[in-house]
Amino acid sequence: MSNSAVDITLQGRTYSIACPAGQEAALKAVATKLEKQLASLRSRTNSLSREELAIMAALNIGYELFEEQKKNQDYIRQMDERIGLLQSTLENALVERSRGDKSTETTSE
């Protein structure tokens, strides 16, 4: 896939960003979220420079990502536990069924 240039505007400045084909909407959505984050930070702290605002926004977004990754890891762990329980339950049921079949065979002989 080839890249295309997508123009995004953050704090009044327009940036032309290379983006893989088909990912333009995702990049624009991220840019919109970042612009909102920057505007929110600016409204709360007028004294920060562009660089400081960008660092604060990066930290906030990084924290959000960290929390989501943690949730995903917790979910994966829970699913692994459930799958293990299901496997154990199935194995036990098959063993019990196998024992039941053997006792039926010995009593019918």
N, C-alpha and C. Protein backbone atom coordinates (compact mmCIF):
# COMPACT_ATOMS: atom_id res chain seq x y z
N MET A 1 0.83 -1.18 0.00
CA MET A 1 0.00 0.00 0.00
C MET A 1 0.88 1.25 0.00
N SER A 2 0.40 2.25 -0.66
CA SER A 2 1.17 3.49 -0.71
C SER A 2 0.61 4.47 0.32
N ASN A 3 1.44 5.43 0.66
CA ASN A 3 1.02 6.46 1.60
C ASN A 3 0.40 7.63 0.84
N SER A 4 -0.51 8.29 1.52
CA SER A 4 -1.05 9.53 0.98
C SER A 4 -0.87 10.60 2.04
N ALA A 5 -0.84 11.84 1.63
CA ALA A 5 -0.68 12.94 2.57
C ALA A 5 -2.05 13.39 3.06
N VAL A 6 -2.15 13.53 4.38
CA VAL A 6 -3.39 14.00 4.99
C VAL A 6 -3.06 15.28 5.74
N ASP A 7 -3.84 16.32 5.49
CA ASP A 7 -3.64 17.58 6.19
C ASP A 7 -4.47 17.58 7.46
N ILE A 8 -3.80 17.85 8.58
CA ILE A 8 -4.50 17.99 9.85
C ILE A 8 -4.10 19.33 10.45
N THR A 9 -5.00 19.92 11.20
CA THR A 9 -4.73 21.20 11.83
C THR A 9 -4.78 21.04 13.34
N LEU A 10 -3.68 21.45 13.97
CA LEU A 10 -3.59 21.41 15.43
C LEU A 10 -3.17 22.79 15.90
N GLN A 11 -3.98 23.39 16.74
CA GLN A 11 -3.71 24.70 17.30
C GLN A 11 -3.38 25.75 16.23
N GLY A 12 -4.15 25.73 15.18
CA GLY A 12 -4.01 26.73 14.14
C GLY A 12 -2.91 26.47 13.13
N ARG A 13 -2.15 25.42 13.33
CA ARG A 13 -1.10 25.06 12.37
C ARG A 13 -1.53 23.82 11.60
N THR A 14 -1.30 23.86 10.30
CA THR A 14 -1.65 22.72 9.45
C THR A 14 -0.40 21.89 9.18
N TYR A 15 -0.56 20.59 9.34
CA TYR A 15 0.53 19.65 9.12
C TYR A 15 0.10 18.67 8.04
N SER A 16 1.01 18.36 7.14
CA SER A 16 0.75 17.36 6.12
C SER A 16 1.43 16.08 6.59
N ILE A 17 0.63 15.06 6.87
CA ILE A 17 1.13 13.83 7.47
C ILE A 17 0.99 12.68 6.48
N ALA A 18 2.07 11.91 6.29
CA ALA A 18 1.99 10.71 5.45
C ALA A 18 1.17 9.67 6.19
N CYS A 19 0.28 9.04 5.45
CA CYS A 19 -0.65 8.10 6.06
C CYS A 19 -0.88 6.94 5.10
N PRO A 20 -0.86 5.69 5.62
CA PRO A 20 -1.15 4.55 4.74
C PRO A 20 -2.55 4.66 4.14
N ALA A 21 -2.68 4.25 2.91
CA ALA A 21 -3.99 4.29 2.24
C ALA A 21 -5.01 3.51 3.08
N GLY A 22 -6.18 4.10 3.21
CA GLY A 22 -7.25 3.46 3.97
C GLY A 22 -7.26 3.83 5.44
N GLN A 23 -6.23 4.52 5.91
CA GLN A 23 -6.15 4.89 7.32
C GLN A 23 -6.39 6.39 7.55
N GLU A 24 -6.79 7.07 6.50
CA GLU A 24 -6.98 8.52 6.60
C GLU A 24 -8.02 8.90 7.65
N ALA A 25 -9.14 8.19 7.68
CA ALA A 25 -10.21 8.52 8.64
C ALA A 25 -9.72 8.32 10.08
N ALA A 26 -8.95 7.28 10.30
CA ALA A 26 -8.43 7.02 11.64
C ALA A 26 -7.47 8.14 12.06
N LEU A 27 -6.60 8.57 11.15
CA LEU A 27 -5.67 9.66 11.46
C LEU A 27 -6.43 10.94 11.76
N LYS A 28 -7.45 11.23 10.99
CA LYS A 28 -8.24 12.45 11.22
C LYS A 28 -8.97 12.37 12.56
N ALA A 29 -9.46 11.19 12.92
CA ALA A 29 -10.14 11.02 14.22
C ALA A 29 -9.17 11.23 15.37
N VAL A 30 -7.96 10.70 15.23
CA VAL A 30 -6.93 10.89 16.26
C VAL A 30 -6.56 12.37 16.35
N ALA A 31 -6.42 13.02 15.22
CA ALA A 31 -6.09 14.45 15.20
C ALA A 31 -7.19 15.27 15.87
N THR A 32 -8.43 14.90 15.63
CA THR A 32 -9.55 15.61 16.26
C THR A 32 -9.51 15.44 17.77
N LYS A 33 -9.25 14.21 18.22
CA LYS A 33 -9.15 13.95 19.66
C LYS A 33 -7.98 14.73 20.26
N LEU A 34 -6.85 14.75 19.57
CA LEU A 34 -5.69 15.50 20.05
C LEU A 34 -5.99 16.99 20.12
N GLU A 35 -6.64 17.52 19.11
CA GLU A 35 -6.98 18.95 19.11
C GLU A 35 -7.89 19.28 20.29
N LYS A 36 -8.84 18.41 20.59
CA LYS A 36 -9.72 18.64 21.75
C LYS A 36 -8.91 18.60 23.05
N GLN A 37 -8.00 17.65 23.14
CA GLN A 37 -7.14 17.53 24.32
C GLN A 37 -6.29 18.80 24.49
N LEU A 38 -5.70 19.27 23.39
CA LEU A 38 -4.88 20.48 23.44
C LEU A 38 -5.71 21.70 23.83
N ALA A 39 -6.91 21.82 23.25
CA ALA A 39 -7.79 22.96 23.56
C ALA A 39 -8.19 22.93 25.04
N SER A 40 -8.48 21.75 25.54
CA SER A 40 -8.85 21.62 26.95
C SER A 40 -7.69 22.01 27.86
N LEU A 41 -6.51 21.54 27.54
CA LEU A 41 -5.33 21.89 28.34
C LEU A 41 -5.06 23.40 28.28
N ARG A 42 -5.16 23.97 27.09
CA ARG A 42 -4.90 25.40 26.92
C ARG A 42 -5.89 26.23 27.73
N SER A 43 -7.16 25.81 27.75
CA SER A 43 -8.17 26.57 28.49
C SER A 43 -7.94 26.51 30.00
N ARG A 44 -7.31 25.44 30.46
CA ARG A 44 -7.04 25.30 31.89
C ARG A 44 -5.72 25.93 32.30
N THR A 45 -4.78 26.01 31.36
CA THR A 45 -3.44 26.51 31.69
C THR A 45 -2.93 27.39 30.57
N ASN A 46 -3.27 28.64 30.62
CA ASN A 46 -2.88 29.59 29.56
C ASN A 46 -1.37 29.81 29.48
N SER A 47 -0.65 29.51 30.53
CA SER A 47 0.77 29.86 30.56
C SER A 47 1.68 28.82 29.90
N LEU A 48 1.14 27.71 29.42
CA LEU A 48 1.99 26.67 28.83
C LEU A 48 2.31 26.99 27.37
N SER A 49 3.54 26.68 26.99
CA SER A 49 3.95 26.85 25.60
C SER A 49 3.36 25.71 24.76
N ARG A 50 3.48 25.83 23.44
CA ARG A 50 3.02 24.75 22.55
C ARG A 50 3.68 23.43 22.89
N GLU A 51 4.98 23.50 23.14
CA GLU A 51 5.74 22.29 23.47
C GLU A 51 5.24 21.67 24.77
N GLU A 52 5.01 22.48 25.78
CA GLU A 52 4.52 21.97 27.06
C GLU A 52 3.12 21.40 26.91
N LEU A 53 2.28 22.06 26.12
CA LEU A 53 0.94 21.53 25.86
C LEU A 53 1.02 20.17 25.17
N ALA A 54 1.91 20.07 24.18
CA ALA A 54 2.07 18.81 23.46
C ALA A 54 2.54 17.70 24.40
N ILE A 55 3.46 18.03 25.30
CA ILE A 55 3.96 17.03 26.26
C ILE A 55 2.84 16.60 27.20
N MET A 56 2.07 17.55 27.70
CA MET A 56 0.95 17.22 28.60
C MET A 56 -0.08 16.35 27.88
N ALA A 57 -0.40 16.71 26.64
CA ALA A 57 -1.37 15.92 25.86
C ALA A 57 -0.82 14.53 25.63
N ALA A 58 0.47 14.42 25.30
CA ALA A 58 1.07 13.10 25.08
C ALA A 58 1.01 12.26 26.34
N LEU A 59 1.28 12.87 27.48
CA LEU A 59 1.19 12.13 28.74
C LEU A 59 -0.24 11.68 29.03
N ASN A 60 -1.21 12.56 28.80
CA ASN A 60 -2.61 12.19 29.03
C ASN A 60 -3.04 11.05 28.11
N ILE A 61 -2.70 11.17 26.84
CA ILE A 61 -3.08 10.13 25.88
C ILE A 61 -2.32 8.83 26.17
N GLY A 62 -1.06 8.96 26.54
CA GLY A 62 -0.27 7.78 26.92
C GLY A 62 -0.88 7.07 28.12
N TYR A 63 -1.36 7.84 29.09
CA TYR A 63 -2.01 7.25 30.26
C TYR A 63 -3.29 6.51 29.86
N GLU A 64 -4.08 7.14 28.99
CA GLU A 64 -5.30 6.48 28.49
C GLU A 64 -4.96 5.16 27.80
N LEU A 65 -3.91 5.18 26.98
CA LEU A 65 -3.49 3.97 26.29
C LEU A 65 -3.04 2.91 27.29
N PHE A 66 -2.26 3.31 28.29
CA PHE A 66 -1.81 2.39 29.32
C PHE A 66 -2.99 1.73 30.02
N GLU A 67 -3.98 2.53 30.39
CA GLU A 67 -5.17 1.99 31.07
C GLU A 67 -5.93 1.00 30.18
N GLU A 68 -6.07 1.33 28.91
CA GLU A 68 -6.76 0.43 27.98
C GLU A 68 -5.98 -0.88 27.80
N GLN A 69 -4.67 -0.79 27.70
CA GLN A 69 -3.84 -1.99 27.58
C GLN A 69 -3.97 -2.85 28.83
N LYS A 70 -4.02 -2.22 29.98
CA LYS A 70 -4.19 -2.94 31.25
C LYS A 70 -5.54 -3.66 31.26
N LYS A 71 -6.59 -2.96 30.83
CA LYS A 71 -7.92 -3.58 30.76
C LYS A 71 -7.91 -4.79 29.81
N ASN A 72 -7.24 -4.62 28.67
CA ASN A 72 -7.15 -5.73 27.71
C ASN A 72 -6.40 -6.91 28.30
N GLN A 73 -5.31 -6.65 29.02
CA GLN A 73 -4.57 -7.73 29.65
C GLN A 73 -5.41 -8.44 30.70
N ASP A 74 -6.16 -7.66 31.49
CA ASP A 74 -7.05 -8.26 32.49
C ASP A 74 -8.12 -9.12 31.81
N TYR A 75 -8.67 -8.62 30.72
CA TYR A 75 -9.69 -9.36 29.98
C TYR A 75 -9.11 -10.66 29.42
N ILE A 76 -7.92 -10.58 28.84
CA ILE A 76 -7.27 -11.78 28.29
C ILE A 76 -7.02 -12.79 29.40
N ARG A 77 -6.56 -12.32 30.56
CA ARG A 77 -6.32 -13.22 31.69
C ARG A 77 -7.63 -13.90 32.12
N GLN A 78 -8.70 -13.12 32.22
CA GLN A 78 -10.00 -13.68 32.60
C GLN A 78 -10.47 -14.72 31.58
N MET A 79 -10.31 -14.41 30.30
CA MET A 79 -10.72 -15.36 29.26
C MET A 79 -9.87 -16.62 29.30
N ASP A 80 -8.57 -16.48 29.55
CA ASP A 80 -7.71 -17.66 29.68
C ASP A 80 -8.16 -18.54 30.84
N GLU A 81 -8.53 -17.90 31.97
CA GLU A 81 -9.02 -18.65 33.12
C GLU A 81 -10.32 -19.38 32.78
N ARG A 82 -11.22 -18.70 32.11
CA ARG A 82 -12.51 -19.31 31.74
C ARG A 82 -12.30 -20.46 30.76
N ILE A 83 -11.42 -20.25 29.79
CA ILE A 83 -11.14 -21.32 28.82
C ILE A 83 -10.54 -22.52 29.54
N GLY A 84 -9.62 -22.26 30.48
CA GLY A 84 -9.04 -23.35 31.26
C GLY A 84 -10.10 -24.10 32.05
N LEU A 85 -11.02 -23.38 32.65
CA LEU A 85 -12.10 -24.01 33.41
C LEU A 85 -12.99 -24.84 32.50
N LEU A 86 -13.31 -24.30 31.33
CA LEU A 86 -14.13 -25.05 30.37
C LEU A 86 -13.41 -26.32 29.90
N GLN A 87 -12.11 -26.20 29.62
CA GLN A 87 -11.35 -27.38 29.20
C GLN A 87 -11.34 -28.43 30.29
N SER A 88 -11.12 -27.99 31.52
CA SER A 88 -11.11 -28.92 32.65
C SER A 88 -12.46 -29.59 32.83
N THR A 89 -13.53 -28.81 32.70
CA THR A 89 -14.88 -29.35 32.84
C THR A 89 -15.17 -30.37 31.74
N LEU A 90 -14.78 -30.06 30.51
CA LEU A 90 -14.98 -31.00 29.40
C LEU A 90 -14.16 -32.27 29.59
N GLU A 91 -12.90 -32.11 30.01
CA GLU A 91 -12.06 -33.28 30.23
C GLU A 91 -12.65 -34.16 31.32
N ASN A 92 -13.11 -33.56 32.42
CA ASN A 92 -13.72 -34.33 33.51
C ASN A 92 -14.98 -35.04 33.04
N ALA A 93 -15.78 -34.34 32.24
CA ALA A 93 -17.01 -34.96 31.73
C ALA A 93 -16.68 -36.13 30.82
N LEU A 94 -15.66 -36.00 29.98
CA LEU A 94 -15.27 -37.10 29.09
C LEU A 94 -14.72 -38.28 29.88
N VAL A 95 -13.95 -38.00 30.93
CA VAL A 95 -13.43 -39.09 31.78
C VAL A 95 -14.59 -39.80 32.46
N GLU A 96 -15.52 -39.06 33.01
CA GLU A 96 -16.68 -39.67 33.67
C GLU A 96 -17.50 -40.49 32.69
N ARG A 97 -17.68 -39.97 31.51
CA ARG A 97 -18.44 -40.70 30.49
C ARG A 97 -17.71 -41.97 30.10
N SER A 98 -16.38 -41.87 29.96
CA SER A 98 -15.58 -43.03 29.62
C SER A 98 -15.69 -44.09 30.72
N ARG A 99 -15.65 -43.69 31.96
CA ARG A 99 -15.80 -44.62 33.10
C ARG A 99 -17.19 -45.25 33.09
N GLY A 100 -18.20 -44.43 32.79
CA GLY A 100 -19.56 -44.94 32.73
C GLY A 100 -19.73 -45.97 31.62
N ASP A 101 -19.11 -45.72 30.48
CA ASP A 101 -19.18 -46.67 29.36
C ASP A 101 -18.49 -47.98 29.71
N LYS A 102 -17.37 -47.91 30.42
CA LYS A 102 -16.63 -49.13 30.80
C LYS A 102 -17.42 -49.94 31.82
N SER A 103 -18.06 -49.26 32.78
CA SER A 103 -18.82 -50.02 33.79
C SER A 103 -20.06 -50.64 33.16
N THR A 104 -20.62 -50.02 32.14
CA THR A 104 -21.76 -50.58 31.44
C THR A 104 -21.34 -51.83 30.67
N GLU A 105 -20.14 -51.77 30.10
CA GLU A 105 -19.62 -52.92 29.34
C GLU A 105 -19.35 -54.11 30.25
N THR A 106 -18.81 -53.89 31.43
CA THR A 106 -18.47 -54.99 32.32
C THR A 106 -19.72 -55.60 32.94
N THR A 107 -20.76 -54.84 33.18
CA THR A 107 -21.97 -55.38 33.76
C THR A 107 -22.83 -56.11 32.72
N SER A 108 -22.67 -55.80 31.45
CA SER A 108 -23.46 -56.43 30.44
C SER A 108 -22.81 -57.73 29.93
N GLU A 109 -21.57 -58.01 30.35
CA GLU A 109 -20.88 -59.22 29.88
C GLU A 109 -21.25 -60.39 30.68
